Amino acid sequence: MTASTAVTLTPWHSPGTRVPQRGNRLTRALARGLLRLGGWRVTGALPDLPRFVIIVAPHTSNWDFLVGVLAMYAIGLRVGFFGKDTIFRPPLGWLMRWLGGRPVDRSNPHGVVEQTIAAIRTAPRFVLALAPEGTRKRVARWRTGFYHVALGAGVPIVPVAFDYARREVILGPCLWPSGDLERDLAVIRGFYRDKQGKRPELFAMDM
């Protein structure tokens, strides 16, 4: 796995013209204002590519979802995510779809990976966001579906951290999967090693 060319960190990053975008100047200003009220900022940069996979961690609190949505609007990024069909039922199903959610059949785990690869390959622009921990509870090992999706779709992985110690949403370096799972996970682990979730005791570095 190799990293992209280094970029200068900025308080607010605007995605390139090839990246799927959402919102407008008003929604960006509103989201940035709300983040500032909470003492948060977004640092780093996204690759100017039409398709890639974002992984977000640590995921230890329900607050992560709110911070993530505000960060998404603050930089004007449109993301998609997949979830079990039950979360797309009333009363919040419309909200999940509006935020970019798509229901999948999770009865076959392998089928989910294949469905996701196909969705990315066939879309002109698609940024997939997911939490590899899969839960807010402490887990011994991360789910590696994100890696197999990125490898199968031929797209890079962008690690994003919710660092409550610094109050930063950190957009990490763009990393291309090499096919060597253990070596590449070690690189990702290095990015997250000094990041602190809202509940640090629930964040494990084993993958």
N, C-alpha and C. Protein backbone atom coordinates (compact mmCIF):
# COMPACT_ATOMS: atom_id res chain seq x y z
N MET A 1 0.85 -1.18 0.00
CA MET A 1 0.00 0.00 0.00
C MET A 1 0.89 1.23 0.00
N THR A 2 0.61 2.15 -0.90
CA THR A 2 1.42 3.35 -1.00
C THR A 2 0.58 4.58 -0.74
N ALA A 3 1.19 5.60 -0.16
CA ALA A 3 0.47 6.83 0.15
C ALA A 3 0.55 7.80 -1.00
N SER A 4 -0.45 8.65 -1.11
CA SER A 4 -0.44 9.68 -2.14
C SER A 4 0.52 10.79 -1.76
N THR A 5 0.72 11.71 -2.69
CA THR A 5 1.58 12.85 -2.42
C THR A 5 1.05 13.64 -1.24
N ALA A 6 1.94 14.08 -0.37
CA ALA A 6 1.53 14.80 0.84
C ALA A 6 0.82 16.10 0.45
N VAL A 7 -0.12 16.50 1.28
CA VAL A 7 -0.85 17.74 1.05
C VAL A 7 -0.74 18.61 2.29
N THR A 8 -0.94 19.89 2.10
CA THR A 8 -0.92 20.82 3.22
C THR A 8 -2.23 20.72 3.99
N LEU A 9 -2.15 20.63 5.29
CA LEU A 9 -3.35 20.58 6.11
C LEU A 9 -3.99 21.95 6.17
N THR A 10 -5.29 22.00 6.03
CA THR A 10 -6.02 23.26 6.07
C THR A 10 -7.20 23.11 7.03
N PRO A 11 -7.65 24.21 7.63
CA PRO A 11 -8.80 24.12 8.54
C PRO A 11 -10.04 23.54 7.89
N TRP A 12 -10.28 23.90 6.63
CA TRP A 12 -11.44 23.38 5.92
C TRP A 12 -11.01 23.03 4.51
N HIS A 13 -11.22 21.78 4.14
CA HIS A 13 -10.83 21.32 2.82
C HIS A 13 -12.04 21.22 1.92
N SER A 14 -11.94 21.76 0.71
CA SER A 14 -12.99 21.62 -0.29
C SER A 14 -12.59 20.53 -1.26
N PRO A 15 -13.47 19.58 -1.54
CA PRO A 15 -13.10 18.49 -2.45
C PRO A 15 -12.85 18.99 -3.86
N GLY A 16 -12.04 18.22 -4.61
CA GLY A 16 -11.75 18.57 -5.99
C GLY A 16 -12.97 18.39 -6.87
N THR A 17 -12.86 18.79 -8.11
CA THR A 17 -14.00 18.78 -9.02
C THR A 17 -14.46 17.37 -9.39
N ARG A 18 -13.59 16.37 -9.22
CA ARG A 18 -13.97 15.00 -9.58
C ARG A 18 -14.67 14.27 -8.44
N VAL A 19 -14.61 14.82 -7.24
CA VAL A 19 -15.19 14.17 -6.07
C VAL A 19 -16.69 14.45 -6.01
N PRO A 20 -17.52 13.45 -5.70
CA PRO A 20 -18.96 13.72 -5.56
C PRO A 20 -19.22 14.70 -4.43
N GLN A 21 -20.05 15.71 -4.71
CA GLN A 21 -20.26 16.78 -3.75
C GLN A 21 -21.75 16.95 -3.45
N ARG A 22 -22.01 17.58 -2.31
CA ARG A 22 -23.39 17.88 -1.93
C ARG A 22 -23.43 19.19 -1.18
N GLY A 23 -24.63 19.76 -1.11
CA GLY A 23 -24.78 21.01 -0.38
C GLY A 23 -24.37 22.22 -1.17
N ASN A 24 -24.28 23.35 -0.49
CA ASN A 24 -23.93 24.62 -1.11
C ASN A 24 -23.18 25.48 -0.09
N ARG A 25 -22.94 26.73 -0.43
CA ARG A 25 -22.18 27.61 0.47
C ARG A 25 -22.89 27.78 1.80
N LEU A 26 -24.21 27.82 1.78
CA LEU A 26 -24.97 28.00 3.01
C LEU A 26 -24.84 26.79 3.92
N THR A 27 -25.04 25.59 3.37
CA THR A 27 -24.96 24.39 4.21
C THR A 27 -23.54 24.17 4.71
N ARG A 28 -22.54 24.50 3.90
CA ARG A 28 -21.16 24.38 4.37
C ARG A 28 -20.89 25.34 5.52
N ALA A 29 -21.35 26.59 5.37
CA ALA A 29 -21.12 27.59 6.42
C ALA A 29 -21.84 27.18 7.71
N LEU A 30 -23.06 26.67 7.59
CA LEU A 30 -23.82 26.25 8.77
C LEU A 30 -23.13 25.09 9.49
N ALA A 31 -22.69 24.09 8.72
CA ALA A 31 -22.03 22.93 9.33
C ALA A 31 -20.72 23.34 9.98
N ARG A 32 -19.97 24.21 9.33
CA ARG A 32 -18.70 24.66 9.90
C ARG A 32 -18.94 25.44 11.19
N GLY A 33 -19.99 26.25 11.19
CA GLY A 33 -20.31 27.01 12.39
C GLY A 33 -20.67 26.12 13.56
N LEU A 34 -21.45 25.07 13.28
CA LEU A 34 -21.84 24.15 14.35
C LEU A 34 -20.64 23.37 14.87
N LEU A 35 -19.74 22.99 13.98
CA LEU A 35 -18.54 22.30 14.42
C LEU A 35 -17.67 23.22 15.29
N ARG A 36 -17.56 24.47 14.87
CA ARG A 36 -16.76 25.43 15.65
C ARG A 36 -17.35 25.62 17.04
N LEU A 37 -18.68 25.66 17.12
CA LEU A 37 -19.32 25.80 18.43
C LEU A 37 -18.94 24.66 19.37
N GLY A 38 -18.74 23.49 18.79
CA GLY A 38 -18.34 22.34 19.59
C GLY A 38 -16.84 22.22 19.75
N GLY A 39 -16.09 23.18 19.18
CA GLY A 39 -14.64 23.16 19.29
C GLY A 39 -13.96 22.25 18.28
N TRP A 40 -14.69 21.83 17.25
CA TRP A 40 -14.16 20.90 16.25
C TRP A 40 -13.65 21.62 15.00
N ARG A 41 -12.76 20.96 14.30
CA ARG A 41 -12.34 21.40 12.98
C ARG A 41 -12.03 20.18 12.12
N VAL A 42 -11.98 20.38 10.82
CA VAL A 42 -11.63 19.32 9.88
C VAL A 42 -10.27 19.65 9.29
N THR A 43 -9.34 18.69 9.31
CA THR A 43 -8.02 18.91 8.74
C THR A 43 -7.69 17.79 7.75
N GLY A 44 -6.79 18.09 6.84
CA GLY A 44 -6.39 17.11 5.84
C GLY A 44 -7.04 17.40 4.50
N ALA A 45 -6.94 16.47 3.59
CA ALA A 45 -7.47 16.66 2.24
C ALA A 45 -7.92 15.32 1.66
N LEU A 46 -8.85 15.39 0.74
CA LEU A 46 -9.33 14.21 0.04
C LEU A 46 -8.66 14.11 -1.32
N PRO A 47 -8.50 12.91 -1.85
CA PRO A 47 -7.96 12.78 -3.21
C PRO A 47 -8.98 13.28 -4.23
N ASP A 48 -8.53 13.92 -5.27
CA ASP A 48 -9.44 14.39 -6.31
C ASP A 48 -9.74 13.25 -7.26
N LEU A 49 -10.54 12.31 -6.76
CA LEU A 49 -10.92 11.11 -7.50
C LEU A 49 -12.42 10.92 -7.42
N PRO A 50 -13.03 10.31 -8.43
CA PRO A 50 -14.49 10.14 -8.40
C PRO A 50 -14.97 8.99 -7.53
N ARG A 51 -14.07 8.05 -7.20
CA ARG A 51 -14.47 6.87 -6.43
C ARG A 51 -13.36 6.51 -5.44
N PHE A 52 -13.72 6.31 -4.19
CA PHE A 52 -12.81 5.78 -3.19
C PHE A 52 -13.61 5.32 -1.98
N VAL A 53 -12.93 4.64 -1.06
CA VAL A 53 -13.56 4.13 0.16
C VAL A 53 -13.02 4.90 1.36
N ILE A 54 -13.92 5.44 2.17
CA ILE A 54 -13.55 6.11 3.42
C ILE A 54 -13.84 5.17 4.58
N ILE A 55 -12.87 4.99 5.48
CA ILE A 55 -13.13 4.27 6.72
C ILE A 55 -13.02 5.26 7.87
N VAL A 56 -13.94 5.17 8.82
CA VAL A 56 -13.97 6.11 9.93
C VAL A 56 -13.80 5.36 11.25
N ALA A 57 -12.97 5.91 12.11
CA ALA A 57 -12.68 5.34 13.43
C ALA A 57 -11.98 6.43 14.25
N PRO A 58 -11.92 6.32 15.56
CA PRO A 58 -12.62 5.35 16.40
C PRO A 58 -14.13 5.60 16.40
N HIS A 59 -14.88 4.52 16.51
CA HIS A 59 -16.34 4.63 16.59
C HIS A 59 -16.77 4.09 17.95
N THR A 60 -16.88 4.99 18.93
CA THR A 60 -17.16 4.57 20.30
C THR A 60 -18.38 5.24 20.91
N SER A 61 -19.07 6.10 20.13
CA SER A 61 -20.18 6.87 20.69
C SER A 61 -21.18 7.23 19.60
N ASN A 62 -22.43 7.44 20.01
CA ASN A 62 -23.44 7.93 19.06
C ASN A 62 -23.10 9.32 18.54
N TRP A 63 -22.31 10.08 19.29
CA TRP A 63 -21.91 11.41 18.85
C TRP A 63 -21.08 11.36 17.56
N ASP A 64 -20.44 10.23 17.30
CA ASP A 64 -19.62 10.12 16.09
C ASP A 64 -20.46 10.36 14.83
N PHE A 65 -21.69 9.88 14.86
CA PHE A 65 -22.56 10.04 13.68
C PHE A 65 -22.82 11.52 13.42
N LEU A 66 -23.14 12.28 14.46
CA LEU A 66 -23.41 13.70 14.29
C LEU A 66 -22.17 14.44 13.82
N VAL A 67 -21.03 14.15 14.44
CA VAL A 67 -19.79 14.81 14.02
C VAL A 67 -19.48 14.47 12.56
N GLY A 68 -19.69 13.22 12.19
CA GLY A 68 -19.42 12.80 10.82
C GLY A 68 -20.31 13.50 9.80
N VAL A 69 -21.60 13.61 10.11
CA VAL A 69 -22.53 14.28 9.20
C VAL A 69 -22.17 15.76 9.05
N LEU A 70 -21.85 16.42 10.17
CA LEU A 70 -21.46 17.83 10.10
C LEU A 70 -20.16 18.00 9.30
N ALA A 71 -19.21 17.10 9.49
CA ALA A 71 -17.97 17.18 8.73
C ALA A 71 -18.24 16.98 7.24
N MET A 72 -19.12 16.06 6.90
CA MET A 72 -19.48 15.81 5.51
C MET A 72 -20.04 17.06 4.86
N TYR A 73 -20.95 17.75 5.57
CA TYR A 73 -21.53 18.97 5.03
C TYR A 73 -20.53 20.13 5.07
N ALA A 74 -19.65 20.14 6.06
CA ALA A 74 -18.68 21.23 6.16
C ALA A 74 -17.73 21.26 4.97
N ILE A 75 -17.38 20.08 4.44
CA ILE A 75 -16.48 20.05 3.28
C ILE A 75 -17.24 19.84 1.98
N GLY A 76 -18.55 19.63 2.07
CA GLY A 76 -19.36 19.49 0.86
C GLY A 76 -19.19 18.16 0.16
N LEU A 77 -18.98 17.10 0.93
CA LEU A 77 -18.74 15.77 0.35
C LEU A 77 -20.00 14.93 0.36
N ARG A 78 -20.29 14.29 -0.77
CA ARG A 78 -21.40 13.34 -0.84
C ARG A 78 -20.85 11.93 -0.67
N VAL A 79 -21.35 11.23 0.31
CA VAL A 79 -20.92 9.86 0.55
C VAL A 79 -22.11 8.92 0.46
N GLY A 80 -21.81 7.66 0.26
CA GLY A 80 -22.82 6.62 0.29
C GLY A 80 -22.42 5.58 1.32
N PHE A 81 -23.40 4.89 1.85
CA PHE A 81 -23.10 3.81 2.78
C PHE A 81 -24.17 2.74 2.65
N PHE A 82 -23.81 1.54 3.05
CA PHE A 82 -24.73 0.42 2.98
C PHE A 82 -25.09 -0.02 4.40
N GLY A 83 -26.33 -0.44 4.57
CA GLY A 83 -26.78 -0.89 5.88
C GLY A 83 -27.87 -1.95 5.74
N LYS A 84 -28.11 -2.67 6.82
CA LYS A 84 -29.15 -3.69 6.79
C LYS A 84 -30.50 -3.03 6.52
N ASP A 85 -31.37 -3.75 5.87
CA ASP A 85 -32.62 -3.16 5.40
C ASP A 85 -33.51 -2.64 6.52
N THR A 86 -33.35 -3.13 7.74
CA THR A 86 -34.22 -2.71 8.83
C THR A 86 -34.05 -1.23 9.18
N ILE A 87 -32.86 -0.65 8.96
CA ILE A 87 -32.67 0.76 9.31
C ILE A 87 -33.29 1.69 8.27
N PHE A 88 -33.78 1.11 7.17
CA PHE A 88 -34.39 1.94 6.13
C PHE A 88 -35.92 1.89 6.19
N ARG A 89 -36.42 1.34 7.28
CA ARG A 89 -37.86 1.32 7.48
C ARG A 89 -38.29 2.58 8.23
N PRO A 90 -39.59 2.93 8.18
CA PRO A 90 -40.07 4.08 8.94
C PRO A 90 -39.79 3.90 10.43
N PRO A 91 -39.54 4.98 11.19
CA PRO A 91 -39.73 6.36 10.76
C PRO A 91 -38.47 7.04 10.21
N LEU A 92 -37.30 6.40 10.29
CA LEU A 92 -36.05 7.08 9.92
C LEU A 92 -35.48 6.62 8.59
N GLY A 93 -36.21 5.76 7.89
CA GLY A 93 -35.71 5.27 6.62
C GLY A 93 -35.42 6.37 5.62
N TRP A 94 -36.30 7.37 5.56
CA TRP A 94 -36.10 8.48 4.61
C TRP A 94 -34.82 9.24 4.91
N LEU A 95 -34.51 9.40 6.21
CA LEU A 95 -33.31 10.12 6.61
C LEU A 95 -32.06 9.35 6.19
N MET A 96 -32.06 8.04 6.37
CA MET A 96 -30.92 7.22 5.97
C MET A 96 -30.67 7.31 4.47
N ARG A 97 -31.73 7.29 3.69
CA ARG A 97 -31.58 7.40 2.24
C ARG A 97 -31.11 8.80 1.83
N TRP A 98 -31.64 9.82 2.50
CA TRP A 98 -31.25 11.20 2.20
C TRP A 98 -29.77 11.42 2.48
N LEU A 99 -29.25 10.76 3.50
CA LEU A 99 -27.84 10.89 3.85
C LEU A 99 -26.93 10.05 2.96
N GLY A 100 -27.53 9.24 2.09
CA GLY A 100 -26.72 8.45 1.16
C GLY A 100 -26.76 6.96 1.39
N GLY A 101 -27.67 6.50 2.27
CA GLY A 101 -27.72 5.09 2.59
C GLY A 101 -28.41 4.25 1.53
N ARG A 102 -27.95 3.00 1.44
CA ARG A 102 -28.56 2.02 0.54
C ARG A 102 -28.71 0.70 1.29
N PRO A 103 -29.88 0.08 1.22
CA PRO A 103 -30.07 -1.20 1.91
C PRO A 103 -29.41 -2.34 1.15
N VAL A 104 -28.87 -3.32 1.90
CA VAL A 104 -28.29 -4.51 1.29
C VAL A 104 -28.78 -5.74 2.03
N ASP A 105 -28.67 -6.87 1.35
CA ASP A 105 -29.03 -8.16 1.94
C ASP A 105 -27.80 -8.71 2.66
N ARG A 106 -27.85 -8.72 3.99
CA ARG A 106 -26.70 -9.17 4.76
C ARG A 106 -26.78 -10.65 5.14
N SER A 107 -27.72 -11.37 4.56
CA SER A 107 -27.82 -12.79 4.86
C SER A 107 -26.63 -13.55 4.29
N ASN A 108 -25.98 -12.97 3.29
CA ASN A 108 -24.80 -13.59 2.70
C ASN A 108 -23.66 -12.58 2.76
N PRO A 109 -22.75 -12.69 3.75
CA PRO A 109 -21.67 -11.70 3.91
C PRO A 109 -20.84 -11.53 2.66
N HIS A 110 -20.53 -12.65 1.96
CA HIS A 110 -19.74 -12.53 0.74
C HIS A 110 -20.51 -11.76 -0.32
N GLY A 111 -21.84 -11.97 -0.35
CA GLY A 111 -22.65 -11.26 -1.32
C GLY A 111 -22.65 -9.77 -1.11
N VAL A 112 -22.54 -9.31 0.14
CA VAL A 112 -22.50 -7.88 0.43
C VAL A 112 -21.26 -7.26 -0.19
N VAL A 113 -20.12 -7.91 -0.05
CA VAL A 113 -18.88 -7.39 -0.65
C VAL A 113 -19.03 -7.29 -2.16
N GLU A 114 -19.57 -8.33 -2.78
CA GLU A 114 -19.74 -8.31 -4.23
C GLU A 114 -20.73 -7.24 -4.67
N GLN A 115 -21.81 -7.07 -3.91
CA GLN A 115 -22.78 -6.02 -4.23
C GLN A 115 -22.13 -4.65 -4.17
N THR A 116 -21.30 -4.45 -3.15
CA THR A 116 -20.66 -3.15 -2.96
C THR A 116 -19.64 -2.87 -4.04
N ILE A 117 -18.85 -3.87 -4.40
CA ILE A 117 -17.87 -3.71 -5.49
C ILE A 117 -18.58 -3.34 -6.78
N ALA A 118 -19.67 -4.02 -7.07
CA ALA A 118 -20.42 -3.74 -8.29
C ALA A 118 -20.98 -2.33 -8.28
N ALA A 119 -21.48 -1.88 -7.12
CA ALA A 119 -22.05 -0.53 -7.03
C ALA A 119 -20.98 0.53 -7.29
N ILE A 120 -19.79 0.32 -6.76
CA ILE A 120 -18.71 1.30 -6.97
C ILE A 120 -18.25 1.30 -8.41
N ARG A 121 -18.07 0.11 -8.97
CA ARG A 121 -17.56 0.00 -10.35
C ARG A 121 -18.50 0.63 -11.36
N THR A 122 -19.80 0.50 -11.14
CA THR A 122 -20.76 0.96 -12.14
C THR A 122 -21.17 2.41 -11.97
N ALA A 123 -20.83 3.01 -10.84
CA ALA A 123 -21.20 4.41 -10.60
C ALA A 123 -20.13 5.34 -11.15
N PRO A 124 -20.52 6.41 -11.85
CA PRO A 124 -19.51 7.36 -12.33
C PRO A 124 -18.78 8.05 -11.19
N ARG A 125 -19.49 8.28 -10.07
CA ARG A 125 -18.89 8.86 -8.87
C ARG A 125 -19.52 8.19 -7.65
N PHE A 126 -18.68 7.70 -6.77
CA PHE A 126 -19.21 7.05 -5.57
C PHE A 126 -18.13 6.99 -4.50
N VAL A 127 -18.37 7.65 -3.38
CA VAL A 127 -17.50 7.56 -2.22
C VAL A 127 -18.23 6.76 -1.16
N LEU A 128 -17.70 5.60 -0.83
CA LEU A 128 -18.30 4.72 0.17
C LEU A 128 -17.69 5.03 1.53
N ALA A 129 -18.53 5.25 2.54
CA ALA A 129 -18.06 5.49 3.91
C ALA A 129 -18.57 4.37 4.82
N LEU A 130 -17.69 3.87 5.67
CA LEU A 130 -18.10 2.83 6.61
C LEU A 130 -17.19 2.82 7.83
N ALA A 131 -17.69 2.21 8.89
CA ALA A 131 -16.94 2.07 10.14
C ALA A 131 -16.51 0.61 10.27
N PRO A 132 -15.24 0.30 10.08
CA PRO A 132 -14.80 -1.10 10.09
C PRO A 132 -14.95 -1.78 11.45
N GLU A 133 -15.10 -1.02 12.53
CA GLU A 133 -15.35 -1.65 13.83
C GLU A 133 -16.73 -2.31 13.85
N GLY A 134 -17.68 -1.73 13.10
CA GLY A 134 -19.00 -2.33 12.98
C GLY A 134 -19.91 -2.14 14.17
N THR A 135 -19.42 -1.57 15.25
CA THR A 135 -20.19 -1.38 16.47
C THR A 135 -19.49 -0.35 17.34
N ARG A 136 -20.24 0.21 18.31
CA ARG A 136 -19.62 1.14 19.25
C ARG A 136 -18.91 0.42 20.39
N LYS A 137 -19.15 -0.88 20.52
CA LYS A 137 -18.50 -1.65 21.57
C LYS A 137 -17.06 -1.98 21.17
N ARG A 138 -16.26 -2.33 22.16
CA ARG A 138 -14.88 -2.72 21.89
C ARG A 138 -14.88 -4.05 21.14
N VAL A 139 -14.13 -4.11 20.05
CA VAL A 139 -14.03 -5.34 19.27
C VAL A 139 -12.57 -5.78 19.20
N ALA A 140 -12.37 -7.10 19.16
CA ALA A 140 -11.01 -7.63 19.13
C ALA A 140 -10.35 -7.37 17.78
N ARG A 141 -11.12 -7.49 16.71
CA ARG A 141 -10.56 -7.29 15.37
C ARG A 141 -11.57 -6.53 14.51
N TRP A 142 -11.05 -5.68 13.65
CA TRP A 142 -11.90 -4.96 12.71
C TRP A 142 -12.39 -5.90 11.62
N ARG A 143 -13.54 -5.55 11.07
CA ARG A 143 -14.01 -6.23 9.87
C ARG A 143 -13.17 -5.73 8.68
N THR A 144 -12.77 -6.63 7.83
CA THR A 144 -11.88 -6.25 6.72
C THR A 144 -12.61 -6.17 5.38
N GLY A 145 -13.94 -6.15 5.43
CA GLY A 145 -14.70 -6.03 4.19
C GLY A 145 -14.32 -4.80 3.39
N PHE A 146 -14.04 -3.67 4.08
CA PHE A 146 -13.67 -2.44 3.40
C PHE A 146 -12.45 -2.64 2.52
N TYR A 147 -11.50 -3.45 3.00
CA TYR A 147 -10.27 -3.68 2.25
C TYR A 147 -10.55 -4.48 0.98
N HIS A 148 -11.34 -5.53 1.11
CA HIS A 148 -11.65 -6.37 -0.04
C HIS A 148 -12.50 -5.62 -1.06
N VAL A 149 -13.36 -4.71 -0.58
CA VAL A 149 -14.14 -3.88 -1.49
C VAL A 149 -13.22 -2.95 -2.28
N ALA A 150 -12.33 -2.26 -1.59
CA ALA A 150 -11.42 -1.33 -2.27
C ALA A 150 -10.53 -2.07 -3.26
N LEU A 151 -10.00 -3.22 -2.85
CA LEU A 151 -9.14 -4.01 -3.73
C LEU A 151 -9.91 -4.50 -4.95
N GLY A 152 -11.11 -5.01 -4.72
CA GLY A 152 -11.91 -5.53 -5.83
C GLY A 152 -12.38 -4.46 -6.78
N ALA A 153 -12.67 -3.27 -6.26
CA ALA A 153 -13.16 -2.18 -7.09
C ALA A 153 -12.02 -1.37 -7.70
N GLY A 154 -10.79 -1.62 -7.25
CA GLY A 154 -9.65 -0.88 -7.78
C GLY A 154 -9.62 0.57 -7.37
N VAL A 155 -10.00 0.84 -6.12
CA VAL A 155 -10.04 2.22 -5.61
C VAL A 155 -9.21 2.32 -4.33
N PRO A 156 -8.78 3.54 -3.96
CA PRO A 156 -7.99 3.70 -2.75
C PRO A 156 -8.86 3.77 -1.50
N ILE A 157 -8.18 3.67 -0.36
CA ILE A 157 -8.80 3.78 0.95
C ILE A 157 -8.34 5.09 1.59
N VAL A 158 -9.29 5.87 2.12
CA VAL A 158 -8.96 7.11 2.82
C VAL A 158 -9.36 6.94 4.29
N PRO A 159 -8.41 6.80 5.21
CA PRO A 159 -8.76 6.69 6.62
C PRO A 159 -9.13 8.06 7.19
N VAL A 160 -10.21 8.11 7.94
CA VAL A 160 -10.66 9.34 8.59
C VAL A 160 -10.81 9.06 10.08
N ALA A 161 -10.25 9.94 10.90
CA ALA A 161 -10.28 9.74 12.35
C ALA A 161 -11.13 10.79 13.04
N PHE A 162 -11.92 10.34 14.02
CA PHE A 162 -12.61 11.24 14.94
C PHE A 162 -11.75 11.32 16.19
N ASP A 163 -10.93 12.34 16.29
CA ASP A 163 -10.00 12.47 17.41
C ASP A 163 -10.57 13.43 18.44
N TYR A 164 -11.14 12.89 19.51
CA TYR A 164 -11.78 13.72 20.53
C TYR A 164 -10.76 14.43 21.39
N ALA A 165 -9.53 13.94 21.45
CA ALA A 165 -8.50 14.61 22.23
C ALA A 165 -8.15 15.96 21.60
N ARG A 166 -8.05 15.99 20.27
CA ARG A 166 -7.71 17.22 19.54
C ARG A 166 -8.96 17.94 19.02
N ARG A 167 -10.11 17.27 19.13
CA ARG A 167 -11.37 17.80 18.56
C ARG A 167 -11.18 18.04 17.07
N GLU A 168 -10.66 17.03 16.38
CA GLU A 168 -10.42 17.12 14.95
C GLU A 168 -11.01 15.91 14.23
N VAL A 169 -11.58 16.19 13.07
CA VAL A 169 -11.88 15.15 12.10
C VAL A 169 -10.71 15.19 11.13
N ILE A 170 -9.90 14.14 11.12
CA ILE A 170 -8.65 14.15 10.37
C ILE A 170 -8.80 13.29 9.12
N LEU A 171 -8.65 13.92 7.96
CA LEU A 171 -8.68 13.21 6.69
C LEU A 171 -7.27 12.70 6.43
N GLY A 172 -7.09 11.39 6.48
CA GLY A 172 -5.76 10.80 6.37
C GLY A 172 -5.29 10.66 4.94
N PRO A 173 -4.08 10.11 4.75
CA PRO A 173 -3.51 9.96 3.41
C PRO A 173 -4.24 8.90 2.60
N CYS A 174 -4.31 9.14 1.31
CA CYS A 174 -4.94 8.21 0.38
C CYS A 174 -4.03 6.99 0.22
N LEU A 175 -4.56 5.81 0.47
CA LEU A 175 -3.77 4.58 0.46
C LEU A 175 -4.35 3.58 -0.52
N TRP A 176 -3.49 3.04 -1.38
CA TRP A 176 -3.94 2.07 -2.38
C TRP A 176 -3.63 0.66 -1.89
N PRO A 177 -4.62 -0.22 -1.83
CA PRO A 177 -4.37 -1.59 -1.36
C PRO A 177 -3.45 -2.34 -2.32
N SER A 178 -2.47 -3.04 -1.73
CA SER A 178 -1.48 -3.76 -2.53
C SER A 178 -1.86 -5.21 -2.75
N GLY A 179 -2.81 -5.72 -1.94
CA GLY A 179 -3.13 -7.14 -1.98
C GLY A 179 -2.54 -7.90 -0.81
N ASP A 180 -1.57 -7.27 -0.14
CA ASP A 180 -0.99 -7.86 1.07
C ASP A 180 -1.76 -7.31 2.27
N LEU A 181 -2.78 -8.04 2.71
CA LEU A 181 -3.71 -7.55 3.72
C LEU A 181 -3.01 -7.16 5.01
N GLU A 182 -2.19 -8.03 5.56
CA GLU A 182 -1.58 -7.76 6.85
C GLU A 182 -0.65 -6.56 6.80
N ARG A 183 0.12 -6.44 5.74
CA ARG A 183 1.03 -5.30 5.64
C ARG A 183 0.25 -4.00 5.51
N ASP A 184 -0.80 -4.01 4.72
CA ASP A 184 -1.57 -2.80 4.51
C ASP A 184 -2.34 -2.40 5.77
N LEU A 185 -2.86 -3.38 6.51
CA LEU A 185 -3.54 -3.06 7.76
C LEU A 185 -2.58 -2.46 8.78
N ALA A 186 -1.32 -2.86 8.72
CA ALA A 186 -0.32 -2.28 9.63
C ALA A 186 -0.14 -0.80 9.34
N VAL A 187 -0.19 -0.41 8.06
CA VAL A 187 -0.09 1.00 7.69
C VAL A 187 -1.30 1.77 8.22
N ILE A 188 -2.48 1.22 8.05
CA ILE A 188 -3.70 1.86 8.54
C ILE A 188 -3.66 1.97 10.06
N ARG A 189 -3.22 0.91 10.71
CA ARG A 189 -3.12 0.91 12.17
C ARG A 189 -2.21 2.04 12.65
N GLY A 190 -1.13 2.29 11.91
CA GLY A 190 -0.22 3.36 12.28
C GLY A 190 -0.89 4.73 12.25
N PHE A 191 -1.79 4.95 11.30
CA PHE A 191 -2.50 6.23 11.23
C PHE A 191 -3.38 6.43 12.45
N TYR A 192 -4.05 5.39 12.91
CA TYR A 192 -5.01 5.52 14.01
C TYR A 192 -4.39 5.39 15.40
N ARG A 193 -3.12 5.03 15.48
CA ARG A 193 -2.55 4.66 16.77
C ARG A 193 -2.65 5.76 17.82
N ASP A 194 -2.48 7.03 17.44
CA ASP A 194 -2.51 8.11 18.42
C ASP A 194 -3.82 8.86 18.43
N LYS A 195 -4.87 8.30 17.82
CA LYS A 195 -6.17 8.95 17.78
C LYS A 195 -7.03 8.45 18.94
N GLN A 196 -7.81 9.34 19.54
CA GLN A 196 -8.58 9.00 20.74
C GLN A 196 -10.07 9.20 20.50
N GLY A 197 -10.84 8.15 20.72
CA GLY A 197 -12.28 8.23 20.61
C GLY A 197 -12.90 8.90 21.82
N LYS A 198 -14.20 9.13 21.75
CA LYS A 198 -14.88 9.75 22.89
C LYS A 198 -14.78 8.85 24.12
N ARG A 199 -14.81 7.56 23.91
CA ARG A 199 -14.63 6.60 24.99
C ARG A 199 -13.42 5.74 24.64
N PRO A 200 -12.23 6.20 25.01
CA PRO A 200 -10.99 5.55 24.58
C PRO A 200 -10.90 4.07 24.94
N GLU A 201 -11.52 3.68 26.03
CA GLU A 201 -11.43 2.30 26.46
C GLU A 201 -12.14 1.33 25.52
N LEU A 202 -12.94 1.88 24.61
CA LEU A 202 -13.68 1.02 23.66
C LEU A 202 -12.99 0.89 22.31
N PHE A 203 -11.84 1.53 22.16
CA PHE A 203 -11.14 1.50 20.88
C PHE A 203 -9.95 0.56 20.95
N ALA A 204 -9.99 -0.53 20.16
CA ALA A 204 -8.89 -1.49 20.11
C ALA A 204 -8.16 -1.34 18.79
N MET A 205 -6.84 -1.49 18.81
CA MET A 205 -6.04 -1.32 17.61
C MET A 205 -5.82 -2.62 16.86
N ASP A 206 -6.24 -3.74 17.39
CA ASP A 206 -6.08 -5.01 16.67
C ASP A 206 -7.01 -5.01 15.47
N MET A 207 -6.52 -5.55 14.34
CA MET A 207 -7.32 -5.61 13.13
C MET A 207 -7.31 -7.02 12.56
